[in-house]
Amino acid sequence: QVQLVPSGGGLVQAGGSLRLSCAASGRTFSNYAMGWFRQAPGKEREFVTAISRAGGNTYYADSVRGRFTISRDNAKNTAYLQMNSLKPEDTAVYHCGASSRGNLGVLQNYEYWGQGTPVTVSS
C-alpha cells in the first residue's frame, strides 16, 4: 500500500501561484510514477501532469503546459506541483496519484490516490 497526503491548496487570485505537495508513505516511493489530476464541479477528473519514477520525464496537459511544473524529491518521498499564472478555470480539487504502470495520462493506470486538495482561483 501507498498512502498519499496532498496539501497546499487554497484560494488565490488570478495570476497568482500555489505549490501543492503530495507526501507518500508505505511502499518505496521511487518505484512509482506520480501524477496530478483535477476535478472541477460537475466535470470528470482530468489529467494535469505526471512525472516518471526518477523524475527524468514529465508530461503535461496542454491547458497547463508552461504554467505548471511537476517535480519530486525521492529522498523526501514527496511530489510537488508548482502552479503559476493561475486562471479561474484552474479551479478544481487536485488529486495526486501513484502508478507502477505506463500511460500516465490515463486515470485507471493509477493504483493509489490521496484525498484531494481544493484550489480556488478568483477572477
N, C-alpha and C. Protein backbone atom coordinates (compact mmCIF):
# COMPACT_ATOMS: atom_id res chain seq x y z
N GLN A 1 0.83 -1.20 0.00
CA GLN A 1 0.00 0.00 0.00
C GLN A 1 0.87 1.25 0.00
N VAL A 2 0.37 2.26 -0.64
CA VAL A 2 1.00 3.58 -0.62
C VAL A 2 -0.05 4.57 -0.12
N GLN A 3 0.31 5.31 0.89
CA GLN A 3 -0.59 6.36 1.38
C GLN A 3 -0.09 7.70 0.85
N LEU A 4 -1.01 8.48 0.32
CA LEU A 4 -0.67 9.78 -0.26
C LEU A 4 -1.46 10.86 0.45
N VAL A 5 -0.77 11.89 0.88
CA VAL A 5 -1.41 13.00 1.57
C VAL A 5 -1.07 14.31 0.88
N PRO A 6 -2.03 14.85 0.14
CA PRO A 6 -1.77 16.12 -0.54
C PRO A 6 -2.00 17.30 0.39
N SER A 7 -1.35 18.40 0.07
CA SER A 7 -1.53 19.64 0.83
C SER A 7 -1.16 20.82 -0.06
N GLY A 8 -1.50 22.01 0.42
CA GLY A 8 -1.09 23.22 -0.28
C GLY A 8 -2.17 23.95 -1.05
N GLY A 9 -3.35 23.36 -1.12
CA GLY A 9 -4.42 24.03 -1.83
C GLY A 9 -4.91 25.26 -1.09
N GLY A 10 -5.72 26.06 -1.77
CA GLY A 10 -6.25 27.26 -1.13
C GLY A 10 -6.88 28.19 -2.13
N LEU A 11 -7.10 29.41 -1.68
CA LEU A 11 -7.72 30.45 -2.51
C LEU A 11 -6.64 31.42 -2.97
N VAL A 12 -6.65 31.71 -4.26
CA VAL A 12 -5.65 32.62 -4.82
C VAL A 12 -6.31 33.44 -5.92
N GLN A 13 -5.81 34.63 -6.13
CA GLN A 13 -6.33 35.46 -7.20
C GLN A 13 -5.74 35.03 -8.54
N ALA A 14 -6.45 35.32 -9.59
CA ALA A 14 -5.96 35.02 -10.93
C ALA A 14 -4.59 35.67 -11.13
N GLY A 15 -3.70 34.91 -11.74
CA GLY A 15 -2.33 35.39 -11.93
C GLY A 15 -1.38 34.98 -10.82
N GLY A 16 -1.94 34.49 -9.73
CA GLY A 16 -1.13 34.10 -8.59
C GLY A 16 -0.56 32.70 -8.72
N SER A 17 0.08 32.25 -7.65
CA SER A 17 0.76 30.96 -7.64
C SER A 17 0.40 30.16 -6.40
N LEU A 18 0.46 28.86 -6.53
CA LEU A 18 0.32 27.94 -5.41
C LEU A 18 1.27 26.78 -5.65
N ARG A 19 1.69 26.15 -4.55
CA ARG A 19 2.50 24.95 -4.65
C ARG A 19 1.83 23.83 -3.86
N LEU A 20 1.49 22.79 -4.57
CA LEU A 20 0.90 21.62 -3.94
C LEU A 20 2.00 20.60 -3.64
N SER A 21 1.80 19.88 -2.55
CA SER A 21 2.70 18.79 -2.18
C SER A 21 1.89 17.51 -2.05
N CYS A 22 2.54 16.40 -2.28
CA CYS A 22 1.93 15.09 -2.10
C CYS A 22 2.94 14.21 -1.38
N ALA A 23 2.72 14.01 -0.09
CA ALA A 23 3.64 13.22 0.72
C ALA A 23 3.22 11.76 0.70
N ALA A 24 4.18 10.88 0.46
CA ALA A 24 3.89 9.45 0.34
C ALA A 24 4.51 8.68 1.49
N SER A 25 3.85 7.60 1.86
CA SER A 25 4.39 6.67 2.85
C SER A 25 3.95 5.27 2.47
N GLY A 26 4.62 4.29 3.03
CA GLY A 26 4.29 2.91 2.70
C GLY A 26 5.38 2.31 1.85
N ARG A 27 5.02 1.86 0.68
CA ARG A 27 5.99 1.23 -0.20
C ARG A 27 6.99 2.24 -0.76
N THR A 28 8.03 1.74 -1.38
CA THR A 28 9.11 2.58 -1.89
C THR A 28 8.61 3.59 -2.90
N PHE A 29 8.73 4.85 -2.53
CA PHE A 29 8.20 5.94 -3.33
C PHE A 29 8.78 5.95 -4.74
N SER A 30 10.08 5.67 -4.85
CA SER A 30 10.74 5.76 -6.15
C SER A 30 10.34 4.63 -7.10
N ASN A 31 9.54 3.71 -6.64
CA ASN A 31 9.03 2.65 -7.52
C ASN A 31 7.81 3.10 -8.32
N TYR A 32 7.33 4.31 -8.03
CA TYR A 32 6.09 4.77 -8.62
C TYR A 32 6.26 6.09 -9.35
N ALA A 33 5.68 6.14 -10.54
CA ALA A 33 5.49 7.43 -11.18
C ALA A 33 4.37 8.16 -10.43
N MET A 34 4.41 9.47 -10.49
CA MET A 34 3.41 10.26 -9.77
C MET A 34 2.66 11.17 -10.76
N GLY A 35 1.40 11.36 -10.47
CA GLY A 35 0.61 12.22 -11.34
C GLY A 35 -0.33 13.09 -10.54
N TRP A 36 -0.76 14.17 -11.18
CA TRP A 36 -1.79 15.04 -10.62
C TRP A 36 -2.96 15.09 -11.61
N PHE A 37 -4.12 14.90 -11.07
CA PHE A 37 -5.35 15.06 -11.83
C PHE A 37 -6.19 16.11 -11.09
N ARG A 38 -7.17 16.64 -11.78
CA ARG A 38 -8.06 17.60 -11.11
C ARG A 38 -9.49 17.36 -11.54
N GLN A 39 -10.40 17.75 -10.65
CA GLN A 39 -11.82 17.58 -10.93
C GLN A 39 -12.56 18.83 -10.53
N ALA A 40 -13.12 19.49 -11.53
CA ALA A 40 -13.93 20.68 -11.30
C ALA A 40 -15.37 20.26 -11.04
N PRO A 41 -16.15 21.10 -10.38
CA PRO A 41 -17.55 20.74 -10.10
C PRO A 41 -18.31 20.38 -11.37
N GLY A 42 -18.97 19.25 -11.34
CA GLY A 42 -19.77 18.82 -12.47
C GLY A 42 -18.99 18.25 -13.62
N LYS A 43 -17.68 18.09 -13.46
CA LYS A 43 -16.86 17.57 -14.55
C LYS A 43 -16.13 16.31 -14.12
N GLU A 44 -15.63 15.57 -15.10
CA GLU A 44 -14.85 14.39 -14.80
C GLU A 44 -13.44 14.77 -14.38
N ARG A 45 -12.80 13.84 -13.67
CA ARG A 45 -11.41 14.05 -13.28
C ARG A 45 -10.55 14.04 -14.54
N GLU A 46 -9.66 15.02 -14.65
CA GLU A 46 -8.83 15.13 -15.85
C GLU A 46 -7.35 15.17 -15.50
N PHE A 47 -6.56 14.69 -16.43
CA PHE A 47 -5.11 14.66 -16.26
C PHE A 47 -4.55 16.07 -16.28
N VAL A 48 -3.60 16.31 -15.37
CA VAL A 48 -2.91 17.60 -15.34
C VAL A 48 -1.44 17.41 -15.71
N THR A 49 -0.75 16.53 -14.97
CA THR A 49 0.68 16.35 -15.19
C THR A 49 1.14 15.07 -14.52
N ALA A 50 2.28 14.56 -14.95
CA ALA A 50 2.85 13.36 -14.35
C ALA A 50 4.36 13.41 -14.46
N ILE A 51 5.02 12.61 -13.62
CA ILE A 51 6.47 12.56 -13.60
C ILE A 51 6.90 11.12 -13.42
N SER A 52 7.97 10.74 -14.09
CA SER A 52 8.45 9.37 -14.03
C SER A 52 9.10 9.07 -12.67
N ARG A 53 9.45 7.82 -12.47
CA ARG A 53 9.96 7.37 -11.17
C ARG A 53 11.16 8.15 -10.70
N ALA A 54 12.12 8.36 -11.57
CA ALA A 54 13.34 9.07 -11.18
C ALA A 54 13.25 10.57 -11.45
N GLY A 55 12.15 10.99 -12.05
CA GLY A 55 11.95 12.41 -12.31
C GLY A 55 12.51 12.90 -13.62
N GLY A 56 13.02 12.00 -14.44
CA GLY A 56 13.64 12.44 -15.68
C GLY A 56 12.69 12.79 -16.79
N ASN A 57 11.46 12.31 -16.68
CA ASN A 57 10.45 12.59 -17.71
C ASN A 57 9.21 13.20 -17.07
N THR A 58 8.71 14.24 -17.70
CA THR A 58 7.49 14.89 -17.23
C THR A 58 6.51 15.05 -18.38
N TYR A 59 5.25 15.10 -18.03
CA TYR A 59 4.18 15.15 -19.02
C TYR A 59 3.14 16.17 -18.54
N TYR A 60 2.60 16.93 -19.48
CA TYR A 60 1.66 17.98 -19.12
C TYR A 60 0.46 18.00 -20.05
N ALA A 61 -0.68 18.33 -19.49
CA ALA A 61 -1.84 18.63 -20.32
C ALA A 61 -1.59 19.97 -21.02
N ASP A 62 -2.12 20.11 -22.20
CA ASP A 62 -1.91 21.35 -22.96
C ASP A 62 -2.38 22.57 -22.19
N SER A 63 -3.41 22.41 -21.41
CA SER A 63 -4.01 23.54 -20.70
C SER A 63 -3.11 24.12 -19.62
N VAL A 64 -2.11 23.34 -19.17
CA VAL A 64 -1.26 23.82 -18.08
C VAL A 64 0.21 23.94 -18.48
N ARG A 65 0.56 23.44 -19.65
CA ARG A 65 1.96 23.46 -20.07
C ARG A 65 2.47 24.88 -20.11
N GLY A 66 3.64 25.08 -19.52
CA GLY A 66 4.23 26.42 -19.47
C GLY A 66 3.86 27.20 -18.22
N ARG A 67 2.83 26.74 -17.52
CA ARG A 67 2.40 27.41 -16.28
C ARG A 67 2.63 26.55 -15.04
N PHE A 68 2.48 25.26 -15.19
CA PHE A 68 2.63 24.32 -14.07
C PHE A 68 3.93 23.55 -14.23
N THR A 69 4.52 23.18 -13.09
CA THR A 69 5.73 22.36 -13.10
C THR A 69 5.61 21.27 -12.04
N ILE A 70 5.78 20.03 -12.48
CA ILE A 70 5.78 18.91 -11.55
C ILE A 70 7.22 18.55 -11.22
N SER A 71 7.44 18.14 -9.99
CA SER A 71 8.77 17.69 -9.57
C SER A 71 8.59 16.68 -8.45
N ARG A 72 9.69 16.06 -8.08
CA ARG A 72 9.64 15.11 -6.97
C ARG A 72 10.98 15.08 -6.27
N ASP A 73 10.93 14.72 -5.00
CA ASP A 73 12.13 14.53 -4.19
C ASP A 73 12.01 13.14 -3.59
N ASN A 74 12.69 12.19 -4.18
CA ASN A 74 12.56 10.81 -3.71
C ASN A 74 13.16 10.62 -2.31
N ALA A 75 14.09 11.46 -1.93
CA ALA A 75 14.65 11.37 -0.58
C ALA A 75 13.63 11.79 0.47
N LYS A 76 12.69 12.65 0.06
CA LYS A 76 11.65 13.13 0.98
C LYS A 76 10.30 12.46 0.73
N ASN A 77 10.27 11.54 -0.23
CA ASN A 77 9.02 10.83 -0.55
C ASN A 77 7.88 11.79 -0.85
N THR A 78 8.19 12.81 -1.62
CA THR A 78 7.20 13.86 -1.88
C THR A 78 7.25 14.29 -3.34
N ALA A 79 6.06 14.49 -3.88
CA ALA A 79 5.91 15.08 -5.21
C ALA A 79 5.32 16.47 -5.05
N TYR A 80 5.64 17.33 -6.00
CA TYR A 80 5.21 18.72 -5.92
C TYR A 80 4.54 19.15 -7.22
N LEU A 81 3.67 20.13 -7.10
CA LEU A 81 3.08 20.76 -8.28
C LEU A 81 3.13 22.26 -8.06
N GLN A 82 4.02 22.92 -8.79
CA GLN A 82 4.11 24.38 -8.74
C GLN A 82 3.18 24.93 -9.81
N MET A 83 2.24 25.75 -9.39
CA MET A 83 1.24 26.31 -10.31
C MET A 83 1.40 27.82 -10.35
N ASN A 84 1.75 28.33 -11.51
CA ASN A 84 1.93 29.76 -11.71
C ASN A 84 0.89 30.28 -12.71
N SER A 85 0.74 31.58 -12.73
CA SER A 85 -0.20 32.22 -13.67
C SER A 85 -1.57 31.55 -13.63
N LEU A 86 -2.06 31.34 -12.45
CA LEU A 86 -3.32 30.62 -12.29
C LEU A 86 -4.48 31.38 -12.90
N LYS A 87 -5.42 30.61 -13.42
CA LYS A 87 -6.61 31.15 -14.07
C LYS A 87 -7.85 30.63 -13.34
N PRO A 88 -8.96 31.32 -13.44
CA PRO A 88 -10.19 30.82 -12.81
C PRO A 88 -10.56 29.41 -13.27
N GLU A 89 -10.24 29.07 -14.50
CA GLU A 89 -10.56 27.73 -15.00
C GLU A 89 -9.67 26.65 -14.40
N ASP A 90 -8.66 27.02 -13.63
CA ASP A 90 -7.86 26.04 -12.90
C ASP A 90 -8.53 25.62 -11.59
N THR A 91 -9.62 26.27 -11.25
CA THR A 91 -10.35 25.93 -10.03
C THR A 91 -10.84 24.50 -10.07
N ALA A 92 -10.44 23.71 -9.07
CA ALA A 92 -10.79 22.29 -9.03
C ALA A 92 -10.24 21.70 -7.74
N VAL A 93 -10.63 20.47 -7.50
CA VAL A 93 -9.98 19.68 -6.46
C VAL A 93 -8.86 18.90 -7.13
N TYR A 94 -7.66 19.03 -6.61
CA TYR A 94 -6.48 18.41 -7.19
C TYR A 94 -6.14 17.13 -6.42
N HIS A 95 -5.93 16.06 -7.17
CA HIS A 95 -5.65 14.75 -6.60
C HIS A 95 -4.28 14.28 -7.08
N CYS A 96 -3.50 13.71 -6.17
CA CYS A 96 -2.25 13.08 -6.58
C CYS A 96 -2.41 11.58 -6.58
N GLY A 97 -1.74 10.95 -7.52
CA GLY A 97 -1.83 9.50 -7.65
C GLY A 97 -0.46 8.90 -7.88
N ALA A 98 -0.34 7.61 -7.57
CA ALA A 98 0.89 6.86 -7.76
C ALA A 98 0.62 5.70 -8.71
N SER A 99 1.53 5.51 -9.65
CA SER A 99 1.34 4.49 -10.68
C SER A 99 2.60 3.69 -10.90
N SER A 100 2.42 2.36 -11.00
CA SER A 100 3.54 1.50 -11.38
C SER A 100 3.38 1.04 -12.83
N ARG A 101 2.43 1.64 -13.53
CA ARG A 101 2.13 1.24 -14.90
C ARG A 101 2.53 2.34 -15.86
N GLY A 102 2.33 2.13 -17.14
CA GLY A 102 2.64 3.15 -18.13
C GLY A 102 1.44 4.01 -18.43
N ASN A 103 1.54 4.80 -19.48
CA ASN A 103 0.46 5.67 -19.94
C ASN A 103 -0.11 6.48 -18.79
N LEU A 104 0.67 7.41 -18.31
CA LEU A 104 0.35 8.13 -17.08
C LEU A 104 -0.77 9.14 -17.25
N GLY A 105 -1.23 9.34 -18.45
CA GLY A 105 -2.34 10.25 -18.67
C GLY A 105 -3.70 9.59 -18.46
N VAL A 106 -3.69 8.31 -18.16
CA VAL A 106 -4.93 7.56 -18.01
C VAL A 106 -5.21 7.33 -16.53
N LEU A 107 -6.37 7.76 -16.10
CA LEU A 107 -6.78 7.70 -14.69
C LEU A 107 -6.67 6.27 -14.14
N GLN A 108 -7.09 5.30 -14.94
CA GLN A 108 -7.17 3.93 -14.46
C GLN A 108 -5.81 3.29 -14.25
N ASN A 109 -4.75 3.93 -14.68
CA ASN A 109 -3.42 3.37 -14.51
C ASN A 109 -2.78 3.73 -13.18
N TYR A 110 -3.51 4.42 -12.34
CA TYR A 110 -3.01 4.79 -11.02
C TYR A 110 -3.61 3.86 -9.97
N GLU A 111 -2.74 3.25 -9.18
CA GLU A 111 -3.21 2.30 -8.18
C GLU A 111 -3.58 2.98 -6.87
N TYR A 112 -2.95 4.09 -6.58
CA TYR A 112 -3.16 4.74 -5.29
C TYR A 112 -3.47 6.23 -5.49
N TRP A 113 -4.37 6.72 -4.64
CA TRP A 113 -4.79 8.12 -4.69
C TRP A 113 -4.82 8.70 -3.29
N GLY A 114 -4.49 9.98 -3.22
CA GLY A 114 -4.70 10.71 -1.99
C GLY A 114 -6.03 11.42 -2.05
N GLN A 115 -6.48 11.89 -0.91
CA GLN A 115 -7.66 12.74 -0.92
C GLN A 115 -7.30 14.06 -1.61
N GLY A 116 -8.27 14.68 -2.22
CA GLY A 116 -7.99 15.88 -2.97
C GLY A 116 -7.72 17.09 -2.11
N THR A 117 -7.05 18.05 -2.69
CA THR A 117 -6.85 19.35 -2.06
C THR A 117 -7.47 20.41 -2.97
N PRO A 118 -8.35 21.26 -2.44
CA PRO A 118 -9.07 22.20 -3.30
C PRO A 118 -8.24 23.43 -3.65
N VAL A 119 -8.37 23.84 -4.88
CA VAL A 119 -7.74 25.07 -5.37
C VAL A 119 -8.84 25.94 -5.96
N THR A 120 -8.93 27.16 -5.48
CA THR A 120 -9.91 28.11 -6.00
C THR A 120 -9.18 29.35 -6.48
N VAL A 121 -9.43 29.69 -7.74
CA VAL A 121 -8.79 30.87 -8.34
C VAL A 121 -9.88 31.89 -8.63
N SER A 122 -9.78 33.02 -7.97
CA SER A 122 -10.79 34.07 -8.15
C SER A 122 -10.36 35.03 -9.25
N SER A 123 -11.36 35.56 -9.93
CA SER A 123 -11.06 36.49 -11.05
C SER A 123 -10.99 37.92 -10.57
